[in-house]
C-alpha atoms as a PDB file:
ATOM      1  CA  UNK A   1      76.348 104.889  73.247  1.00  0.00           C
ATOM      2  CA  UNK A   2      76.015 108.569  73.408  1.00  0.00           C
ATOM      3  CA  UNK A   3      79.273 109.036  75.670  1.00  0.00           C
ATOM      4  CA  UNK A   4      81.002 107.033  73.777  1.00  0.00           C
ATOM      5  CA  UNK A   5      80.201 108.786  70.136  1.00  0.00           C
ATOM      6  CA  UNK A   6      81.122 111.978  72.171  1.00  0.00           C
ATOM      7  CA  UNK A   7      84.021 110.839  73.412  1.00  0.00           C
ATOM      8  CA  UNK A   8      85.407 109.003  70.088  1.00  0.00           C
ATOM      9  CA  UNK A   9      83.423 110.321  67.329  1.00  0.00           C
ATOM     10  CA  UNK A  10      83.453 106.604  65.389  1.00  0.00           C
ATOM     11  CA  UNK A  11      79.810 107.730  63.572  1.00  0.00           C
ATOM     12  CA  UNK A  12      81.183 111.362  62.745  1.00  0.00           C
ATOM     13  CA  UNK A  13      84.263 109.565  61.323  1.00  0.00           C
ATOM     14  CA  UNK A  14      81.847 107.119  58.927  1.00  0.00           C
ATOM     15  CA  UNK A  15      82.239 103.569  60.924  1.00  0.00           C
ATOM     16  CA  UNK A  16      79.378 101.822  60.572  1.00  0.00           C
ATOM     17  CA  UNK A  17      76.925 100.808  63.256  1.00  0.00           C
ATOM     18  CA  UNK A  18      78.912  96.972  63.702  1.00  0.00           C
ATOM     19  CA  UNK A  19      82.090  98.575  63.874  1.00  0.00           C
ATOM     20  CA  UNK A  20      80.982 101.036  66.390  1.00  0.00           C
ATOM     21  CA  UNK A  21      79.307  98.318  68.557  1.00  0.00           C
ATOM     22  CA  UNK A  22      82.617  96.355  68.262  1.00  0.00           C
ATOM     23  CA  UNK A  23      84.782  99.075  69.393  1.00  0.00           C
ATOM     24  CA  UNK A  24      82.570  99.607  72.448  1.00  0.00           C
ATOM     25  CA  UNK A  25      82.868  95.591  73.446  1.00  0.00           C
ATOM     26  CA  UNK A  26      86.481  96.052  72.888  1.00  0.00           C
ATOM     27  CA  UNK A  27      86.953  99.019  75.273  1.00  0.00           C
ATOM     28  CA  UNK A  28      84.556  97.675  77.597  1.00  0.00           C
ATOM     29  CA  UNK A  29      86.700  94.396  77.885  1.00  0.00           C
ATOM     30  CA  UNK A  30      89.896  96.055  78.228  1.00  0.00           C
ATOM     31  CA  UNK A  31      88.580  98.499  81.438  1.00  0.00           C
ATOM     32  CA  UNK A  32      86.601  95.344  82.851  1.00  0.00           C
ATOM     33  CA  UNK A  33      89.900  93.312  82.990  1.00  0.00           C
ATOM     34  CA  UNK A  34      91.623  96.317  85.189  1.00  0.00           C
ATOM     35  CA  UNK A  35      91.796  95.801  88.486  1.00  0.00           C
ATOM     36  CA  UNK A  36      93.459  98.107  91.837  1.00  0.00           C
ATOM     37  CA  UNK A  37      94.037  96.284  94.838  1.00  0.00           C
ATOM     38  CA  UNK A  38      95.246  97.714  98.373  1.00  0.00           C
ATOM     39  CA  UNK A  39      96.691  95.629 100.850  1.00  0.00           C
ATOM     40  CA  UNK A  40      99.051  92.715 101.855  1.00  0.00           C
ATOM     41  CA  UNK A  41      99.676  89.679 100.274  1.00  0.00           C
ATOM     42  CA  UNK A  42     101.027  86.543 101.574  1.00  0.00           C
ATOM     43  CA  UNK A  43     104.587  85.914  99.633  1.00  0.00           C
ATOM     44  CA  UNK A  44     106.563  82.642  99.609  1.00  0.00           C
ATOM     45  CA  UNK A  45     110.384  82.437 100.101  1.00  0.00           C
ATOM     46  CA  UNK A  46     112.501  79.678  99.737  1.00  0.00           C
ATOM     47  CA  UNK A  47     114.216  80.526 103.013  1.00  0.00           C
ATOM     48  CA  UNK A  48     110.828  80.112 104.647  1.00  0.00           C
ATOM     49  CA  UNK A  49     108.799  76.984 105.620  1.00  0.00           C
ATOM     50  CA  UNK A  50     105.309  79.147 105.541  1.00  0.00           C
ATOM     51  CA  UNK A  51     104.593  82.017 103.480  1.00  0.00           C
ATOM     52  CA  UNK A  52     104.904  85.547 105.488  1.00  0.00           C
ATOM     53  CA  UNK A  53     102.858  88.704 105.015  1.00  0.00           C
ATOM     54  CA  UNK A  54     104.490  91.513 102.716  1.00  0.00           C
ATOM     55  CA  UNK A  55     104.449  95.309 103.283  1.00  0.00           C
ATOM     56  CA  UNK A  56     101.088  96.759 102.445  1.00  0.00           C
ATOM     57  CA  UNK A  57     101.370  98.160  98.978  1.00  0.00           C
ATOM     58  CA  UNK A  58      98.996  98.780  96.145  1.00  0.00           C
ATOM     59  CA  UNK A  59      98.672  96.738  93.143  1.00  0.00           C
ATOM     60  CA  UNK A  60      97.228  98.083  89.528  1.00  0.00           C
ATOM     61  CA  UNK A  61      96.381  95.118  87.624  1.00  0.00           C
ATOM     62  CA  UNK A  62      95.312  93.900  84.418  1.00  0.00           C
ATOM     63  CA  UNK A  63      94.501  90.523  82.740  1.00  0.00           C
ATOM     64  CA  UNK A  64      94.552  89.995  78.563  1.00  0.00           C
ATOM     65  CA  UNK A  65      91.076  88.474  78.297  1.00  0.00           C
ATOM     66  CA  UNK A  66      88.613  87.682  81.297  1.00  0.00           C
ATOM     67  CA  UNK A  67      86.824  85.105  79.673  1.00  0.00           C
ATOM     68  CA  UNK A  68      90.159  83.242  79.986  1.00  0.00           C
ATOM     69  CA  UNK A  69      91.496  84.576  83.213  1.00  0.00           C
ATOM     70  CA  UNK A  70      88.747  85.204  85.497  1.00  0.00           C
END
């Protein structure tokens, strides 16, 4: 809570405690929905019967809502 206040200063800006708590929860959910992955994926091609390994790559992804997209 202290770091959140130091970073965003919502208390200094006059936001009430309930709104500050909501802001913390919203930021937590947003950051919790982000992921970084590295490796190979299996890719299905209409030209192949079975999935093939794709080249090694990085993937940064985010989901809009962890409760609906676990």
